[in-house]
Amino acid sequence: MNNIQLALKDQIIDTVKNIKKHNVGEILNWLLRNQIAKYSLANEYYLSTQFTLDHIKKKGLDVTKRSIKTKKNEITYEHPIPSKVVFNLILKAQNENEIISILKNTDYIVILSHIEDKKLREVGLVSSMPINWQYGDDTFARYKKAKINVLTKKLKWLELLEDN
């Protein structure tokens, strides 16, 4: 967990407390979902597929720069366990340690080409996990269901999140 993630973890824990205390509806839920997404996006390492890395190379993009995620470049950053699923897990957590454990165990981002992202849509797994999936099962289950082969080698980003 880097410094940005430590700060986001604290915000996530405080937001969960506020949601449970105030029950004010969607605005805090929206805030929590975004904090969860930003937590993983702040990770210094991302995963990808060979297809996407070839796509990035063919387009001459610098994979060390987060700014390559544009519609024109036809790539996206994906959470293997969608933020919506992580959100639901965190709201069910019994204590702060469980929240931290969930954050650590779901802390992945995968760079996908738009073609691969479309495969997730085709199998109906854009914002959900496969039927019968449970927390603790394979983090990459929806990619496997869509026949997307995520490489195990992590890519390190050189730019800091706050530079974007």
N, C-alpha and C. Protein backbone atom coordinates (compact mmCIF):
# COMPACT_ATOMS: atom_id res chain seq x y z
N MET A 1 0.86 -1.17 0.00
CA MET A 1 0.00 0.00 0.00
C MET A 1 0.91 1.24 0.00
N ASN A 2 0.77 2.08 -1.02
CA ASN A 2 1.57 3.30 -1.09
C ASN A 2 0.88 4.43 -0.32
N ASN A 3 1.51 5.60 -0.28
CA ASN A 3 0.96 6.72 0.51
C ASN A 3 -0.42 7.17 0.04
N ILE A 4 -0.61 7.20 -1.26
CA ILE A 4 -1.92 7.60 -1.78
C ILE A 4 -2.97 6.58 -1.36
N GLN A 5 -2.62 5.30 -1.46
CA GLN A 5 -3.56 4.25 -1.05
C GLN A 5 -3.83 4.29 0.45
N LEU A 6 -2.83 4.62 1.25
CA LEU A 6 -3.05 4.75 2.70
C LEU A 6 -4.07 5.84 3.00
N ALA A 7 -3.94 6.97 2.32
CA ALA A 7 -4.89 8.08 2.51
C ALA A 7 -6.29 7.67 2.05
N LEU A 8 -6.37 7.00 0.90
CA LEU A 8 -7.67 6.56 0.39
C LEU A 8 -8.30 5.50 1.30
N LYS A 9 -7.47 4.61 1.86
CA LYS A 9 -7.97 3.60 2.80
C LYS A 9 -8.65 4.29 3.98
N ASP A 10 -8.00 5.33 4.53
CA ASP A 10 -8.59 6.07 5.65
C ASP A 10 -9.91 6.72 5.24
N GLN A 11 -9.94 7.30 4.04
CA GLN A 11 -11.18 7.91 3.55
C GLN A 11 -12.28 6.87 3.37
N ILE A 12 -11.92 5.72 2.85
CA ILE A 12 -12.90 4.65 2.64
C ILE A 12 -13.49 4.21 3.98
N ILE A 13 -12.64 4.00 4.96
CA ILE A 13 -13.13 3.59 6.28
C ILE A 13 -14.05 4.65 6.87
N ASP A 14 -13.67 5.92 6.77
CA ASP A 14 -14.52 7.01 7.28
C ASP A 14 -15.83 7.10 6.52
N THR A 15 -15.79 6.91 5.21
CA THR A 15 -17.02 6.98 4.41
C THR A 15 -17.97 5.84 4.79
N VAL A 16 -17.43 4.63 5.00
CA VAL A 16 -18.27 3.51 5.43
C VAL A 16 -18.95 3.85 6.76
N LYS A 17 -18.19 4.42 7.69
CA LYS A 17 -18.76 4.81 8.98
C LYS A 17 -19.90 5.82 8.78
N ASN A 18 -19.68 6.80 7.89
CA ASN A 18 -20.71 7.81 7.63
C ASN A 18 -21.94 7.22 6.97
N ILE A 19 -21.74 6.29 6.06
CA ILE A 19 -22.88 5.64 5.41
C ILE A 19 -23.72 4.92 6.46
N LYS A 20 -23.07 4.19 7.34
CA LYS A 20 -23.80 3.43 8.36
C LYS A 20 -24.43 4.34 9.41
N LYS A 21 -23.78 5.46 9.71
CA LYS A 21 -24.29 6.38 10.73
C LYS A 21 -25.44 7.25 10.23
N HIS A 22 -25.30 7.78 9.02
CA HIS A 22 -26.24 8.79 8.54
C HIS A 22 -27.31 8.27 7.58
N ASN A 23 -27.05 7.17 6.91
CA ASN A 23 -28.04 6.60 5.98
C ASN A 23 -28.66 7.67 5.08
N VAL A 24 -27.79 8.42 4.38
CA VAL A 24 -28.29 9.52 3.54
C VAL A 24 -28.47 9.14 2.08
N GLY A 25 -28.21 7.91 1.75
CA GLY A 25 -28.52 7.46 0.39
C GLY A 25 -27.37 7.51 -0.58
N GLU A 26 -27.72 7.74 -1.83
CA GLU A 26 -26.83 7.51 -2.97
C GLU A 26 -25.57 8.36 -2.98
N ILE A 27 -25.61 9.58 -2.47
CA ILE A 27 -24.43 10.45 -2.60
C ILE A 27 -23.21 9.85 -1.91
N LEU A 28 -23.37 9.31 -0.71
CA LEU A 28 -22.22 8.69 -0.04
C LEU A 28 -21.86 7.34 -0.67
N ASN A 29 -22.85 6.62 -1.17
CA ASN A 29 -22.56 5.38 -1.88
C ASN A 29 -21.72 5.66 -3.13
N TRP A 30 -22.09 6.70 -3.87
CA TRP A 30 -21.34 7.11 -5.05
C TRP A 30 -19.90 7.47 -4.66
N LEU A 31 -19.76 8.23 -3.57
CA LEU A 31 -18.45 8.63 -3.11
C LEU A 31 -17.60 7.41 -2.76
N LEU A 32 -18.17 6.45 -2.05
CA LEU A 32 -17.45 5.24 -1.67
C LEU A 32 -17.03 4.43 -2.89
N ARG A 33 -17.92 4.26 -3.85
CA ARG A 33 -17.57 3.51 -5.07
C ARG A 33 -16.38 4.17 -5.79
N ASN A 34 -16.37 5.49 -5.83
CA ASN A 34 -15.28 6.20 -6.49
C ASN A 34 -13.98 6.10 -5.69
N GLN A 35 -14.07 6.14 -4.38
CA GLN A 35 -12.88 5.99 -3.56
C GLN A 35 -12.28 4.59 -3.75
N ILE A 36 -13.13 3.59 -3.81
CA ILE A 36 -12.68 2.22 -4.02
C ILE A 36 -11.96 2.10 -5.37
N ALA A 37 -12.55 2.68 -6.41
CA ALA A 37 -11.93 2.63 -7.75
C ALA A 37 -10.58 3.34 -7.74
N LYS A 38 -10.51 4.50 -7.12
CA LYS A 38 -9.27 5.27 -7.07
C LYS A 38 -8.19 4.55 -6.27
N TYR A 39 -8.60 3.80 -5.25
CA TYR A 39 -7.64 3.06 -4.43
C TYR A 39 -6.80 2.14 -5.31
N SER A 40 -7.43 1.33 -6.12
CA SER A 40 -6.67 0.42 -6.99
C SER A 40 -5.96 1.16 -8.10
N LEU A 41 -6.57 2.21 -8.63
CA LEU A 41 -5.92 2.98 -9.69
C LEU A 41 -4.63 3.64 -9.19
N ALA A 42 -4.53 3.87 -7.87
CA ALA A 42 -3.34 4.48 -7.28
C ALA A 42 -2.19 3.48 -7.13
N ASN A 43 -2.45 2.21 -7.40
CA ASN A 43 -1.40 1.20 -7.31
C ASN A 43 -0.31 1.52 -8.32
N GLU A 44 0.93 1.27 -7.97
CA GLU A 44 2.05 1.56 -8.86
C GLU A 44 2.25 0.50 -9.93
N TYR A 45 1.56 -0.62 -9.81
CA TYR A 45 1.71 -1.73 -10.76
C TYR A 45 0.36 -2.11 -11.35
N TYR A 46 0.34 -2.35 -12.65
CA TYR A 46 -0.86 -2.79 -13.34
C TYR A 46 -0.55 -4.10 -14.06
N LEU A 47 -1.59 -4.82 -14.42
CA LEU A 47 -1.47 -6.02 -15.24
C LEU A 47 -2.02 -5.72 -16.62
N SER A 48 -1.79 -6.62 -17.56
CA SER A 48 -2.34 -6.45 -18.90
C SER A 48 -2.40 -7.80 -19.59
N THR A 49 -2.70 -7.77 -20.87
CA THR A 49 -2.71 -8.97 -21.70
C THR A 49 -1.69 -8.77 -22.81
N GLN A 50 -1.26 -9.85 -23.42
CA GLN A 50 -0.32 -9.73 -24.53
C GLN A 50 -0.97 -8.98 -25.69
N PHE A 51 -2.25 -9.26 -25.93
CA PHE A 51 -2.97 -8.58 -27.01
C PHE A 51 -2.93 -7.06 -26.80
N THR A 52 -3.19 -6.62 -25.57
CA THR A 52 -3.20 -5.18 -25.28
C THR A 52 -1.79 -4.60 -25.37
N LEU A 53 -0.80 -5.32 -24.86
CA LEU A 53 0.57 -4.82 -24.95
C LEU A 53 1.01 -4.70 -26.40
N ASP A 54 0.63 -5.64 -27.25
CA ASP A 54 0.92 -5.55 -28.68
C ASP A 54 0.20 -4.35 -29.30
N HIS A 55 -1.04 -4.13 -28.89
CA HIS A 55 -1.84 -2.99 -29.36
C HIS A 55 -1.15 -1.67 -28.98
N ILE A 56 -0.69 -1.60 -27.73
CA ILE A 56 -0.01 -0.39 -27.25
C ILE A 56 1.28 -0.16 -28.03
N LYS A 57 2.03 -1.22 -28.26
CA LYS A 57 3.30 -1.11 -29.01
C LYS A 57 3.03 -0.68 -30.45
N LYS A 58 2.02 -1.29 -31.08
CA LYS A 58 1.67 -0.97 -32.47
C LYS A 58 1.29 0.51 -32.61
N LYS A 59 0.61 1.04 -31.60
CA LYS A 59 0.21 2.45 -31.64
C LYS A 59 1.33 3.38 -31.20
N GLY A 60 2.45 2.79 -30.71
CA GLY A 60 3.58 3.61 -30.29
C GLY A 60 3.34 4.35 -28.98
N LEU A 61 2.51 3.76 -28.12
CA LEU A 61 2.17 4.41 -26.85
C LEU A 61 3.19 4.06 -25.78
N ASP A 62 3.40 4.96 -24.85
CA ASP A 62 4.31 4.72 -23.74
C ASP A 62 3.53 4.10 -22.59
N VAL A 63 3.73 2.80 -22.37
CA VAL A 63 2.96 2.05 -21.38
C VAL A 63 3.25 2.53 -19.95
N THR A 64 4.32 3.31 -19.75
CA THR A 64 4.62 3.80 -18.41
C THR A 64 3.83 5.05 -18.04
N LYS A 65 3.00 5.53 -18.95
CA LYS A 65 2.24 6.75 -18.69
C LYS A 65 0.74 6.44 -18.60
N ARG A 66 0.15 6.81 -17.48
CA ARG A 66 -1.28 6.56 -17.28
C ARG A 66 -2.14 7.33 -18.28
N SER A 67 -1.60 8.39 -18.82
CA SER A 67 -2.37 9.25 -19.73
C SER A 67 -2.69 8.58 -21.06
N ILE A 68 -2.20 7.36 -21.30
CA ILE A 68 -2.51 6.69 -22.57
C ILE A 68 -3.95 6.20 -22.62
N LYS A 69 -4.66 6.22 -21.48
CA LYS A 69 -6.05 5.76 -21.47
C LYS A 69 -6.93 6.85 -22.08
N THR A 70 -7.13 6.73 -23.37
CA THR A 70 -8.04 7.64 -24.07
C THR A 70 -8.86 6.82 -25.05
N LYS A 71 -9.99 7.36 -25.44
CA LYS A 71 -10.85 6.68 -26.41
C LYS A 71 -10.09 6.44 -27.71
N LYS A 72 -9.31 7.43 -28.11
CA LYS A 72 -8.52 7.35 -29.35
C LYS A 72 -7.53 6.19 -29.30
N ASN A 73 -6.94 5.94 -28.13
CA ASN A 73 -5.95 4.87 -28.00
C ASN A 73 -6.58 3.50 -27.80
N GLU A 74 -7.88 3.46 -27.59
CA GLU A 74 -8.65 2.21 -27.52
C GLU A 74 -8.19 1.25 -26.42
N ILE A 75 -7.90 1.82 -25.25
CA ILE A 75 -7.61 0.99 -24.09
C ILE A 75 -8.39 1.50 -22.88
N THR A 76 -8.54 0.64 -21.90
CA THR A 76 -9.22 1.02 -20.67
C THR A 76 -8.53 0.37 -19.49
N TYR A 77 -8.76 0.93 -18.31
CA TYR A 77 -8.26 0.34 -17.07
C TYR A 77 -9.43 -0.36 -16.41
N GLU A 78 -9.25 -1.61 -16.08
CA GLU A 78 -10.30 -2.48 -15.59
C GLU A 78 -9.97 -3.00 -14.19
N HIS A 79 -10.98 -3.08 -13.34
CA HIS A 79 -10.83 -3.73 -12.04
C HIS A 79 -11.27 -5.18 -12.19
N PRO A 80 -10.39 -6.16 -11.95
CA PRO A 80 -10.78 -7.57 -12.11
C PRO A 80 -12.03 -7.93 -11.30
N ILE A 81 -12.10 -7.42 -10.09
CA ILE A 81 -13.34 -7.51 -9.32
C ILE A 81 -13.93 -6.10 -9.38
N PRO A 82 -15.04 -5.93 -10.08
CA PRO A 82 -15.58 -4.58 -10.29
C PRO A 82 -15.77 -3.81 -8.99
N SER A 83 -15.57 -2.51 -9.06
CA SER A 83 -15.72 -1.65 -7.87
C SER A 83 -17.08 -1.82 -7.22
N LYS A 84 -18.10 -2.04 -8.01
CA LYS A 84 -19.45 -2.26 -7.48
C LYS A 84 -19.48 -3.50 -6.57
N VAL A 85 -18.78 -4.55 -6.95
CA VAL A 85 -18.72 -5.78 -6.16
C VAL A 85 -17.91 -5.53 -4.89
N VAL A 86 -16.77 -4.83 -5.03
CA VAL A 86 -15.94 -4.51 -3.86
C VAL A 86 -16.73 -3.62 -2.90
N PHE A 87 -17.47 -2.67 -3.42
CA PHE A 87 -18.34 -1.80 -2.62
C PHE A 87 -19.28 -2.63 -1.75
N ASN A 88 -19.95 -3.60 -2.36
CA ASN A 88 -20.88 -4.45 -1.61
C ASN A 88 -20.17 -5.28 -0.55
N LEU A 89 -18.99 -5.77 -0.86
CA LEU A 89 -18.20 -6.53 0.12
C LEU A 89 -17.81 -5.64 1.30
N ILE A 90 -17.36 -4.43 1.01
CA ILE A 90 -16.93 -3.51 2.06
C ILE A 90 -18.09 -3.11 2.96
N LEU A 91 -19.26 -2.89 2.38
CA LEU A 91 -20.41 -2.51 3.21
C LEU A 91 -20.84 -3.64 4.14
N LYS A 92 -20.55 -4.87 3.77
CA LYS A 92 -20.88 -6.03 4.61
C LYS A 92 -19.78 -6.34 5.64
N ALA A 93 -18.62 -5.70 5.49
CA ALA A 93 -17.50 -5.97 6.39
C ALA A 93 -17.88 -5.66 7.83
N GLN A 94 -17.39 -6.47 8.74
CA GLN A 94 -17.73 -6.34 10.16
C GLN A 94 -16.85 -5.34 10.91
N ASN A 95 -15.66 -5.04 10.36
CA ASN A 95 -14.76 -4.13 11.06
C ASN A 95 -13.72 -3.56 10.08
N GLU A 96 -12.90 -2.65 10.59
CA GLU A 96 -11.88 -2.00 9.75
C GLU A 96 -10.88 -2.99 9.19
N ASN A 97 -10.47 -3.97 9.98
CA ASN A 97 -9.49 -4.95 9.49
C ASN A 97 -10.04 -5.72 8.30
N GLU A 98 -11.32 -6.03 8.33
CA GLU A 98 -11.94 -6.74 7.21
C GLU A 98 -11.98 -5.84 5.97
N ILE A 99 -12.26 -4.56 6.15
CA ILE A 99 -12.25 -3.60 5.04
C ILE A 99 -10.85 -3.54 4.42
N ILE A 100 -9.83 -3.43 5.26
CA ILE A 100 -8.45 -3.36 4.78
C ILE A 100 -8.08 -4.63 4.03
N SER A 101 -8.49 -5.77 4.55
CA SER A 101 -8.22 -7.04 3.88
C SER A 101 -8.87 -7.09 2.50
N ILE A 102 -10.11 -6.64 2.41
CA ILE A 102 -10.81 -6.62 1.12
C ILE A 102 -10.07 -5.70 0.14
N LEU A 103 -9.67 -4.52 0.60
CA LEU A 103 -8.94 -3.59 -0.27
C LEU A 103 -7.64 -4.21 -0.78
N LYS A 104 -6.89 -4.84 0.11
CA LYS A 104 -5.62 -5.46 -0.29
C LYS A 104 -5.84 -6.61 -1.27
N ASN A 105 -6.86 -7.43 -1.03
CA ASN A 105 -7.09 -8.61 -1.86
C ASN A 105 -7.73 -8.30 -3.21
N THR A 106 -8.23 -7.10 -3.38
CA THR A 106 -8.86 -6.71 -4.65
C THR A 106 -8.08 -5.59 -5.34
N ASP A 107 -6.86 -5.37 -4.91
CA ASP A 107 -6.05 -4.25 -5.38
C ASP A 107 -5.32 -4.59 -6.68
N TYR A 108 -6.07 -4.67 -7.76
CA TYR A 108 -5.52 -4.95 -9.09
C TYR A 108 -6.18 -4.05 -10.12
N ILE A 109 -5.41 -3.69 -11.12
CA ILE A 109 -5.93 -3.02 -12.31
C ILE A 109 -5.36 -3.76 -13.51
N VAL A 110 -6.20 -3.99 -14.51
CA VAL A 110 -5.77 -4.65 -15.75
C VAL A 110 -6.02 -3.67 -16.90
N ILE A 111 -5.00 -3.45 -17.70
CA ILE A 111 -5.15 -2.61 -18.89
C ILE A 111 -5.66 -3.53 -20.00
N LEU A 112 -6.81 -3.17 -20.57
CA LEU A 112 -7.40 -3.96 -21.64
C LEU A 112 -7.63 -3.10 -22.86
N SER A 113 -7.52 -3.73 -24.01
CA SER A 113 -7.91 -3.07 -25.26
C SER A 113 -9.43 -3.00 -25.29
N HIS A 114 -9.96 -2.12 -26.09
CA HIS A 114 -11.41 -2.04 -26.24
C HIS A 114 -12.00 -3.34 -26.79
N ILE A 115 -11.21 -4.05 -27.59
CA ILE A 115 -11.68 -5.34 -28.13
C ILE A 115 -11.89 -6.33 -27.00
N GLU A 116 -10.92 -6.40 -26.06
CA GLU A 116 -11.06 -7.32 -24.93
C GLU A 116 -12.16 -6.86 -23.97
N ASP A 117 -12.26 -5.55 -23.78
CA ASP A 117 -13.32 -5.01 -22.92
C ASP A 117 -14.70 -5.39 -23.48
N LYS A 118 -14.81 -5.40 -24.80
CA LYS A 118 -16.06 -5.80 -25.45
C LYS A 118 -16.41 -7.25 -25.13
N LYS A 119 -15.39 -8.11 -25.00
CA LYS A 119 -15.63 -9.52 -24.65
C LYS A 119 -16.32 -9.63 -23.28
N LEU A 120 -15.93 -8.76 -22.34
CA LEU A 120 -16.59 -8.76 -21.03
C LEU A 120 -18.07 -8.39 -21.18
N ARG A 121 -18.34 -7.43 -22.04
CA ARG A 121 -19.73 -7.03 -22.29
C ARG A 121 -20.53 -8.18 -22.90
N GLU A 122 -19.89 -8.88 -23.83
CA GLU A 122 -20.58 -9.97 -24.52
C GLU A 122 -20.97 -11.11 -23.59
N VAL A 123 -20.18 -11.33 -22.53
CA VAL A 123 -20.53 -12.39 -21.57
C VAL A 123 -21.29 -11.83 -20.36
N GLY A 124 -21.65 -10.55 -20.41
CA GLY A 124 -22.46 -9.94 -19.36
C GLY A 124 -21.73 -9.73 -18.04
N LEU A 125 -20.41 -9.49 -18.11
CA LEU A 125 -19.63 -9.35 -16.88
C LEU A 125 -18.90 -8.00 -16.79
N VAL A 126 -19.58 -6.94 -17.20
CA VAL A 126 -18.98 -5.61 -17.15
C VAL A 126 -18.84 -5.15 -15.70
N SER A 127 -19.87 -5.32 -14.91
CA SER A 127 -19.84 -4.81 -13.53
C SER A 127 -20.21 -5.89 -12.51
N SER A 128 -20.05 -7.14 -12.91
CA SER A 128 -20.38 -8.23 -11.99
C SER A 128 -19.39 -9.38 -12.18
N MET A 129 -19.42 -10.29 -11.24
CA MET A 129 -18.60 -11.49 -11.32
C MET A 129 -19.48 -12.64 -11.81
N PRO A 130 -18.86 -13.73 -12.27
CA PRO A 130 -19.66 -14.87 -12.74
C PRO A 130 -20.59 -15.41 -11.64
N ILE A 131 -21.69 -16.01 -12.07
CA ILE A 131 -22.64 -16.62 -11.14
C ILE A 131 -21.89 -17.62 -10.27
N ASN A 132 -22.24 -17.65 -9.01
CA ASN A 132 -21.66 -18.53 -7.99
C ASN A 132 -20.26 -18.11 -7.54
N TRP A 133 -19.72 -17.03 -8.07
CA TRP A 133 -18.43 -16.54 -7.59
C TRP A 133 -18.62 -15.98 -6.19
N GLN A 134 -17.65 -16.25 -5.33
CA GLN A 134 -17.67 -15.70 -3.97
C GLN A 134 -16.32 -15.07 -3.67
N TYR A 135 -16.34 -14.09 -2.78
CA TYR A 135 -15.10 -13.45 -2.36
C TYR A 135 -14.13 -14.51 -1.86
N GLY A 136 -12.92 -14.49 -2.37
CA GLY A 136 -11.92 -15.51 -2.05
C GLY A 136 -11.70 -16.45 -3.22
N ASP A 137 -12.68 -16.51 -4.14
CA ASP A 137 -12.52 -17.30 -5.36
C ASP A 137 -11.55 -16.54 -6.29
N ASP A 138 -11.32 -17.08 -7.46
CA ASP A 138 -10.38 -16.51 -8.42
C ASP A 138 -10.72 -15.05 -8.75
N THR A 139 -9.78 -14.16 -8.46
CA THR A 139 -9.94 -12.73 -8.73
C THR A 139 -10.19 -12.46 -10.21
N PHE A 140 -9.63 -13.30 -11.07
CA PHE A 140 -9.70 -13.06 -12.52
C PHE A 140 -10.75 -13.93 -13.21
N ALA A 141 -11.72 -14.41 -12.46
CA ALA A 141 -12.73 -15.34 -12.97
C ALA A 141 -13.51 -14.77 -14.16
N ARG A 142 -13.85 -13.51 -14.13
CA ARG A 142 -14.65 -12.98 -15.25
C ARG A 142 -13.82 -12.86 -16.52
N TYR A 143 -12.51 -12.63 -16.40
CA TYR A 143 -11.65 -12.61 -17.58
C TYR A 143 -11.55 -14.01 -18.18
N LYS A 144 -11.43 -15.00 -17.32
CA LYS A 144 -11.36 -16.38 -17.81
C LYS A 144 -12.65 -16.76 -18.52
N LYS A 145 -13.78 -16.33 -17.97
CA LYS A 145 -15.08 -16.61 -18.59
C LYS A 145 -15.16 -15.94 -19.97
N ALA A 146 -14.55 -14.77 -20.12
CA ALA A 146 -14.56 -14.04 -21.40
C ALA A 146 -13.38 -14.44 -22.29
N LYS A 147 -12.60 -15.42 -21.85
CA LYS A 147 -11.44 -15.89 -22.61
C LYS A 147 -10.40 -14.78 -22.85
N ILE A 148 -10.14 -14.03 -21.78
CA ILE A 148 -9.12 -12.98 -21.79
C ILE A 148 -7.98 -13.48 -20.90
N ASN A 149 -6.78 -13.61 -21.48
CA ASN A 149 -5.64 -14.15 -20.75
C ASN A 149 -4.79 -13.02 -20.18
N VAL A 150 -4.92 -12.80 -18.87
CA VAL A 150 -4.15 -11.76 -18.20
C VAL A 150 -2.76 -12.30 -17.87
N LEU A 151 -1.75 -11.53 -18.24
CA LEU A 151 -0.37 -11.92 -17.95
C LEU A 151 -0.08 -11.75 -16.46
N THR A 152 0.85 -12.52 -15.95
CA THR A 152 1.18 -12.41 -14.53
C THR A 152 2.22 -11.33 -14.25
N LYS A 153 2.94 -10.88 -15.29
CA LYS A 153 3.95 -9.84 -15.11
C LYS A 153 3.27 -8.49 -14.87
N LYS A 154 3.69 -7.83 -13.78
CA LYS A 154 3.14 -6.52 -13.46
C LYS A 154 3.96 -5.43 -14.17
N LEU A 155 3.25 -4.38 -14.59
CA LEU A 155 3.87 -3.23 -15.24
C LEU A 155 3.95 -2.09 -14.24
N LYS A 156 5.11 -1.47 -14.09
CA LYS A 156 5.27 -0.36 -13.15
C LYS A 156 5.07 0.96 -13.88
N TRP A 157 4.27 1.83 -13.26
CA TRP A 157 4.03 3.15 -13.81
C TRP A 157 5.07 4.11 -13.28
N LEU A 158 5.57 5.00 -14.13
CA LEU A 158 6.58 5.97 -13.72
C LEU A 158 5.94 7.29 -13.28
N GLU A 159 4.78 7.61 -13.83
CA GLU A 159 4.12 8.84 -13.43
C GLU A 159 3.37 8.62 -12.12
N LEU A 160 3.28 9.64 -11.31
CA LEU A 160 2.50 9.57 -10.09
C LEU A 160 1.06 9.93 -10.38
N LEU A 161 0.14 9.38 -9.61
CA LEU A 161 -1.28 9.64 -9.82
C LEU A 161 -1.59 11.13 -9.77
N GLU A 162 -0.97 11.86 -8.86
CA GLU A 162 -1.32 13.26 -8.73
C GLU A 162 -0.84 14.10 -9.91
N ASP A 163 -0.02 13.56 -10.79
CA ASP A 163 0.42 14.29 -11.98
C ASP A 163 -0.65 14.31 -13.06
N ASN A 164 -1.71 13.49 -12.92
CA ASN A 164 -2.74 13.41 -13.95
C ASN A 164 -3.93 14.25 -13.60
